[in-house]
Structures are given as structure tokens and as C-alpha cells.
Protein backbone atom coordinates (compact mmCIF):
# COMPACT_ATOMS: atom_id res chain seq x y z
CA MET A 1 -58.36 -35.13 8.22
CA GLY A 2 -59.26 -38.77 8.55
CA LEU A 3 -61.52 -40.30 11.13
CA PHE A 4 -58.70 -42.13 12.95
CA ASP A 5 -56.00 -39.45 12.67
CA PHE A 6 -56.29 -38.67 16.36
CA LEU A 7 -55.02 -42.18 17.20
CA THR A 8 -51.65 -41.77 15.47
CA ALA A 9 -48.84 -39.85 17.10
CA LYS A 10 -48.42 -36.42 15.55
CA LYS A 11 -44.99 -35.51 14.27
CA ASN A 12 -43.62 -32.17 15.29
CA THR A 13 -42.87 -30.95 11.78
CA ALA A 14 -41.32 -27.69 12.97
CA SER A 15 -38.65 -29.46 15.00
CA ILE A 16 -37.97 -31.92 12.18
CA ALA A 17 -37.58 -29.07 9.69
CA LYS A 18 -35.31 -27.20 12.10
CA GLU A 19 -33.08 -30.23 12.56
CA ARG A 20 -32.88 -30.81 8.81
CA LEU A 21 -31.92 -27.17 8.28
CA ARG A 22 -29.16 -27.49 10.88
CA ILE A 23 -27.79 -30.51 9.05
CA ILE A 24 -27.85 -28.70 5.70
CA VAL A 25 -26.12 -25.62 7.11
CA ALA A 26 -23.45 -27.76 8.80
CA GLN A 27 -22.80 -29.64 5.54
CA GLU A 28 -22.48 -26.41 3.57
CA ARG A 29 -20.03 -24.98 6.07
CA THR A 30 -17.83 -28.04 5.94
CA SER A 31 -18.02 -28.28 2.16
CA ARG A 32 -16.93 -24.71 1.70
CA GLY A 33 -14.25 -25.04 4.32
CA ALA A 34 -13.90 -21.31 4.83
CA PRO A 35 -15.92 -18.42 6.19
CA ASP A 36 -17.58 -15.97 3.81
CA TYR A 37 -15.30 -13.08 4.74
CA LEU A 38 -12.05 -14.63 3.49
CA PRO A 39 -12.31 -13.47 -0.17
CA LEU A 40 -13.07 -9.92 0.97
CA LEU A 41 -10.20 -10.02 3.44
CA GLN A 42 -7.87 -11.22 0.69
CA ARG A 43 -8.91 -8.37 -1.65
CA GLU A 44 -8.50 -5.75 1.08
CA LEU A 45 -5.07 -7.06 2.06
CA LEU A 46 -4.03 -6.98 -1.59
CA GLU A 47 -5.13 -3.33 -1.87
CA VAL A 48 -3.12 -2.35 1.20
CA ILE A 49 -0.02 -4.25 0.07
CA ARG A 50 -0.25 -2.67 -3.39
CA LYS A 51 0.10 0.77 -1.80
CA TYR A 52 3.69 -0.16 -0.92
CA VAL A 53 4.71 -3.00 -3.25
CA SER A 54 3.68 -3.95 -6.77
CA VAL A 55 2.27 -7.49 -6.49
CA ASP A 56 0.02 -9.76 -8.53
CA VAL A 57 -3.46 -10.83 -7.47
CA ASP A 58 -2.15 -14.33 -6.77
CA ALA A 59 0.53 -12.98 -4.42
CA VAL A 60 -1.80 -12.90 -1.40
CA LYS A 61 -3.24 -16.15 -0.08
CA VAL A 62 -5.62 -16.25 2.89
CA ASP A 63 -6.63 -19.61 4.36
CA LEU A 64 -8.31 -20.84 7.50
CA VAL A 65 -6.46 -23.81 8.99
CA LYS A 66 -7.66 -26.06 11.81
CA ASP A 67 -5.13 -26.51 14.61
CA GLY A 68 -6.75 -28.86 17.09
CA ASP A 69 -9.68 -26.99 18.57
CA HIS A 70 -8.57 -23.64 17.13
CA ASP A 71 -8.93 -21.98 13.75
CA VAL A 72 -5.77 -20.26 12.56
CA LEU A 73 -5.81 -17.56 9.90
CA ASP A 74 -2.89 -18.24 7.56
CA ILE A 75 -1.87 -15.25 5.43
CA SER A 76 0.86 -15.73 2.87
CA VAL A 77 2.24 -12.86 0.79
CA SER A 78 4.71 -13.49 -2.03
CA LEU A 79 6.75 -10.34 -2.44
CA PRO A 80 8.62 -9.72 -5.69
CA ASP A 81 12.38 -9.29 -5.85
CA GLY A 82 13.14 -5.61 -6.06
CA ARG A 83 12.18 -2.35 -4.45
CA ALA A 84 8.86 -1.03 -3.19
CA ALA A 85 6.66 0.80 -5.64
CA THR A 86 6.43 4.54 -5.32
CA ALA A 87 3.02 5.97 -4.62
């Protein structure tokens, strides 16, 4: 601590660090573009669909789409031509 440190305005380092962390988290969310639960949701939907129909892993697509102020969960399932699989 210097002799004249009391004359300079002290920076609130906690609030600066908090604001920087908010910026980083916001950037990561926008760069990913999707919540963390979407891959798990996609796997679980695939498991349920496979109980009734034989489909590939790529047959189920789950996306989060912005519609104005709302987030819309878009689920697309490509079903094969043919009959349901027997369990």
C-alpha cells in the first residue's frame, strides 16, 4: 500500500468481476444457441420412438427456435416407410 493510495478512488473489484462474469455467461449462451438439456431430450425421444418404430439416430432432430419474444421447441422425426417394429 502506497502513501497516497487513499487519495485515489477505489474500484469495486467484486462488482467489476460480477459484471464480467455476466458478459461471459451471456456470450456462451448465445454462442451455443441451445440449452444444455436438448441433447438429452433428443436421446430420450429417440429411445421412446424406437420402442414403436425402427429409426436411425439422425431421425430425431430437436432445436430451439426464436419466434419473436418466445422460444419454440421444434421436434422433427423422420419416420421410415414401412410398418412399426414389433417389441
